[in-house]
Protein backbone atom coordinates (compact mmCIF):
# COMPACT_ATOMS: atom_id res chain seq x y z
CA MET A 1 -75.92 78.21 15.64
CA PRO A 2 -79.17 80.32 16.34
CA LEU A 3 -82.25 78.43 17.26
CA TYR A 4 -84.06 79.87 14.23
CA ARG A 5 -82.66 80.33 10.80
CA TRP A 6 -83.37 83.73 9.22
CA LEU A 7 -83.22 83.24 5.44
CA ALA A 8 -83.04 86.48 3.59
CA LEU A 9 -84.86 85.82 0.17
CA ALA A 10 -84.04 87.73 -2.94
CA SER A 11 -85.66 91.01 -3.73
CA VAL A 12 -89.04 90.92 -5.52
CA ALA A 13 -91.42 93.40 -6.84
CA ALA A 14 -93.99 95.04 -4.64
CA LEU A 15 -96.05 91.93 -4.88
CA ALA A 16 -94.43 88.70 -6.23
CA ASN A 17 -95.18 87.87 -9.67
CA GLY A 18 -96.74 84.54 -9.77
CA GLY A 19 -95.97 81.81 -12.07
CA PRO A 20 -97.47 78.63 -13.51
CA VAL A 21 -97.16 75.94 -10.69
CA GLN A 22 -96.95 73.17 -13.36
CA VAL A 23 -94.25 72.53 -15.83
CA PRO A 24 -95.62 73.73 -19.19
CA ASN A 25 -96.48 70.88 -21.72
CA LEU A 26 -95.42 68.33 -19.15
CA THR A 27 -96.01 64.49 -20.63
CA LEU A 28 -95.84 61.10 -18.96
CA PRO A 29 -93.60 58.35 -20.03
CA SER A 30 -95.05 55.39 -21.86
CA ASN A 31 -95.14 53.41 -18.23
CA ALA A 32 -97.66 55.45 -16.92
CA THR A 33 -100.67 54.06 -17.84
CA ALA A 34 -99.46 50.56 -16.43
CA HIS A 35 -99.05 52.18 -13.00
CA GLN A 36 -102.13 54.21 -13.23
CA LYS A 37 -104.03 50.90 -14.02
CA ASP A 38 -102.36 49.40 -10.65
CA VAL A 39 -104.00 52.57 -8.80
CA VAL A 40 -107.46 51.75 -10.06
CA ASN A 41 -107.21 48.03 -9.34
CA LEU A 42 -106.19 48.97 -5.74
CA PHE A 43 -109.35 51.33 -5.78
CA VAL A 44 -111.62 48.62 -7.32
CA THR A 45 -110.66 45.93 -5.00
CA SER A 46 -111.01 48.28 -1.88
CA TYR A 47 -114.22 49.80 -3.05
CA GLN A 48 -116.04 46.25 -3.77
CA ALA A 49 -114.88 45.16 -0.57
CA TYR A 50 -116.07 48.18 1.44
CA ASN A 51 -119.66 47.75 -0.55
CA ALA A 52 -119.83 44.07 0.35
CA SER A 53 -119.18 44.55 4.22
CA ALA A 54 -119.57 48.20 5.02
CA TRP A 55 -121.68 50.07 2.71
CA GLY A 56 -123.11 53.21 4.37
CA HIS A 57 -120.98 53.12 7.22
CA ASP A 58 -117.74 55.30 7.94
CA GLU A 59 -114.78 52.94 7.49
CA LEU A 60 -114.47 49.11 6.39
CA LEU A 61 -112.43 46.70 9.14
CA PRO A 62 -110.88 44.80 6.12
CA ILE A 63 -109.47 41.87 8.63
CA THR A 64 -112.62 40.94 10.19
CA LYS A 65 -115.04 42.19 7.13
CA SER A 66 -116.96 44.59 9.44
CA TYR A 67 -117.53 48.43 9.86
CA GLN A 68 -116.84 50.95 12.31
CA ASP A 69 -118.57 54.40 12.49
CA ASP A 70 -116.40 56.76 14.22
CA LEU A 71 -117.34 59.87 12.20
CA ASN A 72 -121.29 59.73 13.13
CA GLY A 73 -122.01 56.92 10.84
CA TRP A 74 -122.98 58.75 7.71
CA GLY A 75 -120.68 56.86 5.54
CA ALA A 76 -117.47 58.77 5.07
CA SER A 77 -115.56 56.44 2.71
CA ILE A 78 -118.45 57.56 0.34
CA SER A 79 -118.12 60.91 0.67
CA ASP A 80 -114.46 60.51 0.58
CA ALA A 81 -114.42 58.24 -2.48
CA LEU A 82 -116.83 60.25 -4.55
CA GLY A 83 -114.43 62.24 -6.40
CA THR A 84 -111.77 59.42 -6.87
CA MET A 85 -114.43 57.29 -8.55
CA TRP A 86 -115.62 59.85 -10.86
CA LEU A 87 -112.10 60.81 -11.98
CA MET A 88 -111.59 57.10 -12.63
CA GLY A 89 -114.74 56.91 -14.89
CA PHE A 90 -116.77 54.62 -12.59
CA HIS A 91 -119.81 56.51 -13.19
CA ASP A 92 -122.19 53.80 -12.10
CA TRP A 93 -120.77 53.78 -8.48
CA PHE A 94 -120.58 57.30 -8.56
CA GLN A 95 -124.39 57.49 -9.33
CA ASP A 96 -125.29 54.72 -6.80
CA ALA A 97 -122.97 56.93 -4.04
CA VAL A 98 -125.12 59.90 -4.76
CA ASN A 99 -128.40 58.13 -4.51
CA TYR A 100 -127.00 57.03 -1.29
CA VAL A 101 -126.07 60.48 -0.07
CA ALA A 102 -129.48 61.67 -0.92
CA THR A 103 -131.02 59.18 1.68
CA VAL A 104 -128.56 60.54 4.49
CA ASP A 105 -129.91 62.98 7.52
CA PHE A 106 -127.13 65.02 8.06
CA SER A 107 -128.63 66.90 10.78
CA THR A 108 -129.08 63.81 12.91
CA PRO A 109 -125.82 61.64 13.67
CA ARG A 110 -126.18 57.99 13.17
CA THR A 111 -124.15 57.49 16.15
CA GLY A 112 -123.45 59.64 19.17
CA THR A 113 -124.51 62.94 19.10
CA THR A 114 -121.46 65.10 19.04
CA VAL A 115 -119.83 65.63 15.71
CA ASN A 116 -116.33 67.14 14.74
CA LEU A 117 -116.47 70.50 12.94
CA PHE A 118 -113.02 70.05 11.21
CA GLU A 119 -113.58 66.48 10.36
CA THR A 120 -117.04 66.44 8.76
CA THR A 121 -115.79 69.79 6.91
CA ILE A 122 -112.92 68.30 5.13
CA ARG A 123 -114.36 64.90 4.23
CA HIS A 124 -117.80 65.59 3.83
CA ILE A 125 -118.54 69.24 2.82
CA GLY A 126 -115.43 68.77 0.95
CA GLY A 127 -116.11 65.97 -0.51
CA LEU A 128 -119.71 66.61 -1.49
CA LEU A 129 -118.96 69.94 -3.08
CA SER A 130 -115.90 68.83 -5.05
CA ALA A 131 -117.85 65.89 -6.48
CA TYR A 132 -120.65 68.38 -7.41
CA GLU A 133 -117.89 70.38 -9.43
CA LEU A 134 -116.34 67.48 -10.80
CA SER A 135 -119.24 65.86 -12.26
CA GLY A 136 -120.51 69.01 -14.20
CA LYS A 137 -122.74 70.44 -11.25
CA ASN A 138 -125.64 68.22 -11.96
CA ASN A 139 -126.14 66.60 -8.58
CA SER A 140 -127.66 69.39 -6.54
CA VAL A 141 -128.56 67.26 -3.88
CA LEU A 142 -124.87 67.20 -3.29
CA VAL A 143 -124.98 70.80 -2.23
CA GLN A 144 -128.24 70.28 -0.27
CA LYS A 145 -126.68 67.52 1.93
CA ALA A 146 -123.53 69.66 2.48
CA GLU A 147 -125.41 72.57 3.82
CA GLN A 148 -127.65 70.61 5.69
CA VAL A 149 -124.85 69.31 7.75
CA ALA A 150 -123.27 72.88 8.00
CA GLN A 151 -126.38 74.34 9.16
CA GLN A 152 -125.74 72.38 12.44
CA LEU A 153 -121.99 72.71 12.47
CA ALA A 154 -122.64 76.33 12.58
CA TYR A 155 -123.63 76.13 16.21
CA GLY A 156 -119.81 75.93 17.00
CA TRP A 157 -119.87 79.63 16.88
CA ILE A 158 -121.43 80.97 20.01
CA GLY A 159 -122.10 84.85 21.12
CA ASN A 160 -119.32 86.90 19.99
CA ASN A 161 -116.94 84.50 19.35
CA SER A 162 -115.09 84.81 16.22
CA ILE A 163 -113.32 80.97 16.60
CA PRO A 164 -115.78 78.13 16.75
CA TYR A 165 -115.25 75.15 19.08
CA VAL A 166 -114.74 72.10 17.07
CA GLN A 167 -117.49 69.65 18.88
CA VAL A 168 -120.85 70.54 18.26
CA ASP A 169 -123.68 68.35 19.97
CA PHE A 170 -126.36 68.14 17.37
CA ALA A 171 -128.94 67.09 19.90
CA THR A 172 -128.93 70.37 21.73
CA GLN A 173 -127.40 72.47 18.97
CA THR A 174 -124.55 73.67 21.50
CA PRO A 175 -120.85 73.28 21.13
CA VAL A 176 -118.78 71.22 23.67
CA VAL A 177 -116.59 74.16 25.36
CA GLU A 178 -113.08 73.35 25.45
CA THR A 179 -109.36 74.61 23.91
CA GLU A 180 -109.17 74.12 20.28
CA SER A 181 -106.21 73.81 18.25
CA LEU A 182 -105.74 76.23 14.84
CA ALA A 183 -106.33 73.41 12.74
CA GLY A 184 -109.35 72.35 14.35
CA SER A 185 -110.74 75.49 13.98
CA GLY A 186 -109.06 77.43 11.10
CA THR A 187 -109.31 74.69 8.34
CA LEU A 188 -112.58 75.69 7.04
CA THR A 189 -112.22 78.62 4.57
CA MET A 190 -112.11 76.64 1.24
CA GLU A 191 -115.01 74.41 2.02
CA TRP A 192 -117.15 77.28 3.39
CA ASN A 193 -116.37 79.42 0.75
CA ARG A 194 -117.73 76.81 -1.94
CA LEU A 195 -120.59 76.18 0.41
CA SER A 196 -121.48 79.94 0.19
CA LEU A 197 -120.82 80.08 -3.73
CA TYR A 198 -123.39 77.33 -4.47
CA THR A 199 -126.12 78.16 -2.09
CA ASN A 200 -126.01 81.96 -2.16
CA ASN A 201 -125.67 82.49 1.49
CA ASP A 202 -122.42 84.15 1.91
CA THR A 203 -122.89 83.37 6.12
CA TYR A 204 -121.03 80.25 5.65
CA ARG A 205 -117.76 82.29 4.16
CA GLN A 206 -118.31 84.96 6.74
CA LEU A 207 -117.93 82.40 9.49
CA ALA A 208 -114.91 80.63 8.42
CA GLU A 209 -113.25 83.83 7.33
CA LYS A 210 -113.50 85.36 10.59
CA SER A 211 -112.13 82.45 12.56
CA VAL A 212 -108.88 82.52 10.55
CA GLN A 213 -108.85 86.48 10.47
CA SER A 214 -109.10 86.24 14.34
CA MET A 215 -106.19 83.79 14.24
CA ILE A 216 -104.15 85.75 11.68
CA LYS A 217 -103.88 88.25 14.23
CA LEU A 218 -102.69 86.24 17.10
CA PRO A 219 -99.16 87.35 18.37
CA GLY A 220 -96.89 84.61 17.32
CA VAL A 221 -94.47 82.45 19.46
CA LEU A 222 -92.37 82.58 16.49
CA PRO A 223 -92.71 85.37 13.79
CA GLY A 224 -95.99 84.28 11.94
CA MET A 225 -96.52 81.11 14.08
CA PRO A 226 -99.14 81.45 16.82
CA ALA A 227 -99.15 78.79 19.35
CA MET A 228 -101.01 75.62 18.30
CA TYR A 229 -103.92 76.13 20.95
CA VAL A 230 -106.40 78.79 21.20
CA ASP A 231 -109.38 79.86 23.59
CA PRO A 232 -112.23 80.61 21.41
CA SER A 233 -114.09 82.16 24.44
CA THR A 234 -111.23 84.73 24.59
CA GLY A 235 -109.90 84.71 21.16
CA THR A 236 -106.19 84.38 22.86
CA SER A 237 -103.49 81.60 22.54
CA VAL A 238 -102.86 78.91 25.15
CA GLY A 239 -99.55 77.58 25.58
CA SER A 240 -96.29 78.17 23.67
CA TYR A 241 -96.08 75.07 21.29
CA VAL A 242 -95.45 75.57 17.76
CA THR A 243 -95.69 72.93 14.82
CA TRP A 244 -96.06 72.29 11.14
CA GLY A 245 -97.75 69.06 12.32
CA SER A 246 -100.69 67.83 14.03
CA GLY A 247 -103.16 70.80 15.32
CA CYS A 248 -101.60 73.52 13.32
CA ASP A 249 -101.02 71.71 9.52
CA SER A 250 -103.71 72.47 7.50
CA PHE A 251 -104.24 75.86 8.92
CA TYR A 252 -101.05 76.98 7.51
CA GLU A 253 -101.77 74.71 4.42
CA TYR A 254 -105.30 77.00 3.57
CA LEU A 255 -103.40 80.17 4.19
CA ILE A 256 -101.72 79.50 0.71
CA LYS A 257 -104.64 77.75 -0.74
CA TYR A 258 -107.28 79.89 0.18
CA PRO A 259 -106.10 83.32 -1.47
CA ARG A 260 -105.08 80.99 -4.52
CA LEU A 261 -108.84 79.67 -4.57
CA THR A 262 -110.48 83.00 -4.33
CA ASN A 263 -108.04 85.44 -5.77
CA THR A 264 -109.01 87.61 -2.96
CA ASP A 265 -107.48 91.12 -2.70
CA ASP A 266 -107.17 90.50 1.18
CA ASN A 267 -103.30 90.09 1.50
CA SER A 268 -103.21 89.12 5.26
CA TYR A 269 -103.37 85.48 4.20
CA PHE A 270 -100.21 85.57 2.19
CA HIS A 271 -98.67 88.29 4.73
CA GLN A 272 -99.41 85.89 7.66
CA ASN A 273 -98.41 82.90 6.06
CA THR A 274 -95.28 81.03 7.87
CA LEU A 275 -93.86 79.69 4.44
CA GLU A 276 -93.11 83.20 3.72
CA GLY A 277 -91.74 83.95 7.22
CA THR A 278 -95.25 85.32 7.66
CA LEU A 279 -93.67 88.72 7.62
CA ARG A 280 -93.02 91.14 4.66
CA ARG A 281 -90.88 94.32 5.51
CA PRO A 282 -93.04 97.35 5.28
CA ALA A 283 -91.62 98.23 1.69
CA ARG A 284 -92.66 94.78 0.40
CA SER A 285 -89.41 94.70 -1.70
CA ALA A 286 -88.12 91.57 0.22
CA PHE A 287 -89.70 88.48 1.82
CA LEU A 288 -87.89 87.13 5.20
CA ILE A 289 -88.44 83.55 6.33
CA VAL A 290 -88.16 82.41 9.70
CA SER A 291 -88.93 78.87 10.78
CA VAL A 292 -87.31 75.79 12.59
CA HIS A 293 -85.56 75.08 9.10
CA GLN A 294 -83.12 72.51 9.99
CA ASN A 295 -80.97 69.74 8.54
CA SER A 296 -79.76 66.35 9.47
CA THR A 297 -76.18 65.71 10.34
CA VAL A 298 -76.33 62.36 8.34
CA GLY A 299 -77.80 62.78 4.97
CA ASN A 300 -78.32 66.67 5.16
CA TRP A 301 -82.17 65.95 5.17
CA THR A 302 -84.10 68.91 5.25
CA TYR A 303 -87.04 69.28 7.91
CA LEU A 304 -89.07 71.78 9.88
CA ALA A 305 -88.68 70.97 13.47
CA ASP A 306 -91.25 71.76 16.45
CA SER A 307 -90.69 74.37 19.19
CA ASP A 308 -91.82 74.40 22.71
CA ASP A 309 -91.38 77.35 25.01
CA GLY A 310 -87.86 78.38 22.98
CA GLN A 311 -86.74 74.83 23.07
CA ILE A 312 -86.51 72.94 19.74
CA LEU A 313 -87.87 69.69 19.41
CA HIS A 314 -86.20 67.56 16.41
CA VAL A 315 -89.24 65.70 15.39
CA GLY A 316 -91.13 64.98 12.19
CA SER A 317 -94.28 62.95 11.14
CA HIS A 318 -95.98 61.46 8.05
CA LEU A 319 -98.86 63.91 8.59
CA ALA A 320 -96.30 66.96 8.42
CA CYS A 321 -95.02 65.61 5.32
CA PHE A 322 -97.65 67.70 3.29
CA TYR A 323 -95.50 70.87 3.95
CA GLY A 324 -93.14 69.79 1.06
CA GLY A 325 -96.08 70.25 -1.50
CA ASN A 326 -97.42 73.39 0.31
CA TRP A 327 -93.96 75.11 -0.03
CA ILE A 328 -93.61 74.15 -3.44
CA LEU A 329 -97.19 75.38 -4.21
CA GLY A 330 -96.44 78.74 -2.21
CA GLY A 331 -92.87 79.09 -4.10
CA LYS A 332 -94.51 78.79 -7.47
CA LEU A 333 -97.53 81.22 -6.62
CA THR A 334 -94.81 83.83 -5.47
CA ASN A 335 -92.24 83.10 -7.97
CA ASN A 336 -89.76 82.59 -5.31
CA ASP A 337 -87.01 79.88 -6.26
CA THR A 338 -85.91 79.75 -2.50
CA ILE A 339 -89.20 78.88 -0.91
CA PHE A 340 -89.40 76.44 -4.06
CA ASN A 341 -86.67 74.58 -3.58
CA ILE A 342 -86.92 74.04 0.29
CA GLY A 343 -90.16 72.60 -0.72
CA LEU A 344 -88.34 70.08 -2.73
CA GLN A 345 -85.69 69.16 -0.21
CA LEU A 346 -88.39 68.85 2.47
CA THR A 347 -90.50 66.31 -0.31
CA ASP A 348 -87.16 64.48 -0.67
CA ALA A 349 -86.65 63.78 3.01
CA CYS A 350 -90.06 62.96 3.53
CA TRP A 351 -89.61 60.31 0.72
CA ASN A 352 -86.57 59.17 2.38
CA THR A 353 -88.28 57.87 5.51
CA TYR A 354 -89.97 55.52 2.86
CA ALA A 355 -86.98 54.47 1.14
CA GLY A 356 -85.16 53.49 4.39
CA THR A 357 -87.37 51.10 5.75
CA ALA A 358 -87.78 47.29 4.99
CA THR A 359 -91.28 47.76 3.46
CA ARG A 360 -90.31 51.14 2.01
CA ILE A 361 -93.58 52.69 3.50
CA GLY A 362 -93.00 55.37 5.60
CA PRO A 363 -93.68 55.48 9.45
CA GLU A 364 -95.91 57.43 11.63
CA GLY A 365 -93.26 59.23 13.62
CA PHE A 366 -89.52 59.98 13.08
CA ALA A 367 -87.20 62.10 14.48
CA TYR A 368 -83.63 63.71 13.38
CA ILE A 369 -80.30 64.80 14.81
CA SER A 370 -79.00 68.37 13.49
CA SER A 371 -75.84 70.22 14.75
CA ASP A 372 -78.33 71.94 17.14
CA GLY A 373 -78.96 68.57 18.83
CA ASN A 374 -81.34 65.94 19.27
CA TYR A 375 -84.04 66.68 21.81
CA THR A 376 -87.24 65.38 20.98
CA GLY A 377 -89.31 66.09 24.28
CA GLY A 378 -88.93 62.28 25.04
CA SER A 379 -86.22 59.56 25.69
CA PRO A 380 -83.00 60.01 23.80
CA PRO A 381 -82.53 57.71 20.98
CA THR A 382 -81.49 54.11 21.72
CA ALA A 383 -78.44 52.09 20.46
CA ASP A 384 -80.74 50.54 17.55
CA GLN A 385 -82.05 53.94 16.77
CA MET A 386 -78.77 55.52 16.48
CA ALA A 387 -77.61 52.85 14.30
CA PHE A 388 -80.73 53.10 12.09
CA TYR A 389 -80.12 56.93 12.28
CA ASN A 390 -76.23 56.65 11.19
CA GLU A 391 -77.77 54.50 7.98
CA HIS A 392 -80.35 56.46 6.96
CA GLY A 393 -80.60 60.05 8.55
CA TYR A 394 -83.90 59.86 10.62
CA TYR A 395 -84.89 57.12 13.10
CA ILE A 396 -88.41 55.98 13.47
CA THR A 397 -90.17 57.13 16.77
CA GLY A 398 -93.68 55.70 15.47
CA SER A 399 -93.69 52.42 13.56
CA ASP A 400 -97.28 52.29 12.18
CA TYR A 401 -98.59 52.98 8.53
CA ILE A 402 -102.26 53.92 8.95
CA MET A 403 -102.77 54.95 5.43
CA ARG A 404 -101.82 58.26 5.54
CA PRO A 405 -101.54 60.47 1.94
CA GLU A 406 -99.02 63.27 2.94
CA VAL A 407 -95.43 62.04 1.74
CA LEU A 408 -97.52 60.79 -1.81
CA GLU A 409 -99.35 64.21 -1.72
CA SER A 410 -96.02 66.35 -1.64
CA ASN A 411 -94.33 63.80 -3.98
CA PHE A 412 -97.31 64.63 -6.57
CA TYR A 413 -96.65 68.19 -6.31
CA ALA A 414 -92.70 67.69 -6.87
CA TRP A 415 -93.52 65.77 -10.19
CA ARG A 416 -96.23 68.43 -11.46
CA ALA A 417 -93.67 71.22 -10.72
CA THR A 418 -90.55 69.72 -11.93
CA GLY A 419 -91.39 67.00 -14.41
CA ASN A 420 -88.67 65.05 -12.73
CA THR A 421 -89.54 61.25 -13.07
CA LYS A 422 -87.87 60.47 -10.02
CA TYR A 423 -91.17 61.39 -8.35
CA LEU A 424 -92.76 58.93 -10.75
CA ASP A 425 -90.60 56.22 -9.71
CA ASN A 426 -91.37 57.07 -5.94
CA ALA A 427 -95.05 56.73 -6.55
CA ALA A 428 -94.60 53.17 -8.42
CA SER A 429 -92.51 52.26 -5.66
CA ALA A 430 -95.13 53.00 -3.07
CA ILE A 431 -97.66 51.27 -5.17
CA GLN A 432 -95.79 47.99 -5.18
CA SER A 433 -95.28 48.16 -1.28
CA PHE A 434 -99.02 48.97 -0.92
CA GLN A 435 -99.87 45.70 -3.28
CA LYS A 436 -97.13 43.64 -1.35
CA TYR A 437 -97.66 44.58 2.34
CA LEU A 438 -101.34 45.95 2.87
CA PRO A 439 -103.37 43.12 1.54
CA THR A 440 -105.45 41.44 4.22
CA THR A 441 -108.63 39.18 4.41
CA VAL A 442 -110.48 41.90 1.98
CA ALA A 443 -109.13 45.19 0.56
CA TYR A 444 -106.16 46.41 2.28
CA THR A 445 -105.05 48.11 5.69
CA GLY A 446 -102.62 49.49 7.60
CA ILE A 447 -99.47 47.77 9.55
CA SER A 448 -97.93 48.07 12.90
CA ASP A 449 -94.04 48.26 11.84
CA VAL A 450 -93.09 49.60 8.52
CA ASN A 451 -89.62 48.15 9.08
CA ASN A 452 -90.94 44.66 9.47
CA VAL A 453 -91.80 42.77 6.60
CA ASN A 454 -94.17 40.37 8.61
CA SER A 455 -95.68 43.25 10.29
CA ALA A 456 -98.94 42.66 12.21
CA LYS A 457 -101.95 44.51 10.33
CA ILE A 458 -104.35 46.99 11.66
CA ASN A 459 -107.94 46.23 11.19
CA ASP A 460 -108.86 49.52 9.85
CA MET A 461 -109.11 51.04 6.15
CA GLU A 462 -109.40 54.78 6.45
CA SER A 463 -111.71 56.74 4.36
CA PHE A 464 -108.76 58.77 3.22
CA TRP A 465 -107.57 55.95 1.73
CA PHE A 466 -110.09 56.41 -1.15
CA GLY A 467 -109.87 60.22 -0.91
CA GLU A 468 -106.34 60.91 -0.60
CA VAL A 469 -103.84 58.00 -1.15
CA LEU A 470 -105.47 56.79 -4.24
CA LYS A 471 -106.48 59.90 -5.68
CA TYR A 472 -103.05 61.55 -5.18
CA LEU A 473 -101.62 58.40 -6.68
CA TYR A 474 -103.95 58.16 -9.51
CA LEU A 475 -103.59 61.69 -10.81
CA THR A 476 -99.64 61.35 -10.41
CA PHE A 477 -100.13 58.97 -13.58
CA ASP A 478 -102.74 61.05 -15.02
CA ASP A 479 -102.67 63.30 -17.79
CA PRO A 480 -101.24 66.59 -16.23
CA ASN A 481 -103.65 69.14 -17.91
CA ARG A 482 -106.72 67.34 -16.43
CA ILE A 483 -106.99 68.21 -13.06
CA SER A 484 -104.03 70.89 -13.49
CA LEU A 485 -102.58 72.48 -10.29
CA ASP A 486 -103.05 75.81 -12.19
CA LYS A 487 -106.78 75.49 -12.58
CA TYR A 488 -107.46 73.39 -9.25
CA VAL A 489 -106.82 73.79 -5.60
CA PHE A 490 -107.05 70.95 -3.51
CA ASN A 491 -108.50 70.85 0.08
CA THR A 492 -106.88 69.13 3.09
CA GLU A 493 -108.38 65.68 2.29
CA CYS A 494 -107.44 65.95 -1.58
CA HIS A 495 -111.09 67.07 -2.81
CA PRO A 496 -109.94 69.43 -5.63
CA PHE A 497 -112.10 72.84 -6.19
CA GLU A 498 -112.07 74.51 -9.51
CA ALA A 499 -110.27 77.93 -9.08
CA PRO A 500 -109.88 81.01 -11.42
CA THR A 501 -107.06 82.12 -13.49
CA ALA A 502 -104.49 83.07 -11.38
CA LYS A 503 -103.51 86.55 -10.35
CA SER A 504 -100.48 88.21 -11.66
CA GLY A 505 -99.19 88.18 -8.06
CA TYR A 506 -99.83 86.94 -4.73
């Protein structure tokens, strides 16, 4: 079997005719209200504990009832929680949070001096601007504070560089010069476009777009897939590693989402996107997909492997499991059933990593065996891992759960796009597992071993527990017309932005 499967897709019009993402007239079963209430209770317990023991800090340490400030101390949990609490109807808490944000000087870190362009953009800028939209565009201070931090982050671009450095020293207003990842420097367009819209300063959009456009032009290690790393000083790729996981994930994610958010007539985003093979034939009469598309020998589970210097790596990760939802979205926008169905298969395979463990919570890392082999770049599977694989069709390589959302994210897209209630059952199962295995001294926390019902706990409640996990679960059981996938586009931190009516084709 060849290393990469070329999947010729059915012929379509010169531009694919886009269709609605959501099933029309989608309705929820009667038990959805109870499941949504369970999600609200998870949020209330978590936020009250954060409020009592970590208010104004980045994250609650729930075992010790303390806090940490690993994201510069501006209160990342607040920025991530704003949209969730608004959607849940906690408007008093929302206003308290807005009042707090108004006091923060985002031009000066409270811890350290170096600020991460990527993390600050997706959490703070994304969270503040999404909350501004959701709350009726009445809290202009949220835009002001988003711009305050963006003004400093813009020092990541130096000289004639199109691609920014990710670590920016706010004290000296200079970046840390180092090799960057595609995702680190290329996951800015959605947030910085919205910032330009609400500040009437187009500089932010231009900066973000020129970075992505420079990356789009990079030669692909695989067609449409540049190497993970890039040197901003030269604008050239570094190495040959290719992945849909960490380092590349949200770069590819935004190549689909940004043209939907903006309805841009610039076709380079969709042309480049790896979901469609990133290649269109010159006549644009057919799509051609190329990827490390694989299936496991047990269970026939679909996954997208990594590649390094031509060597396929049969690895997967919780983080990469966003790709199911991304392919579902892209398949719907291009009215392409092949892409859409691959997205569903990817989503089901990722859910299988939850279904196979003792806690029914998915692990951080896992691996597969396909007809192409079982190489992962590390040690071969042990006897215990092989026994697990033979039962479940994957084996665990990283057993921890750090409150990641991606499997539930794709599950949300699959529910909205198909109306199949098995995805509601999946979400309800996850809620039950979280209620049973994640409680600690106060609130909830990660666990070290998802395949051990008596696992040790991890003393950290991630800010994206508020912004992503609980929001995706809440919306899974919410009225599908409220935050419709045909009216909103989510950033990579699950902060929804208002989208215009979709074009007839993408």
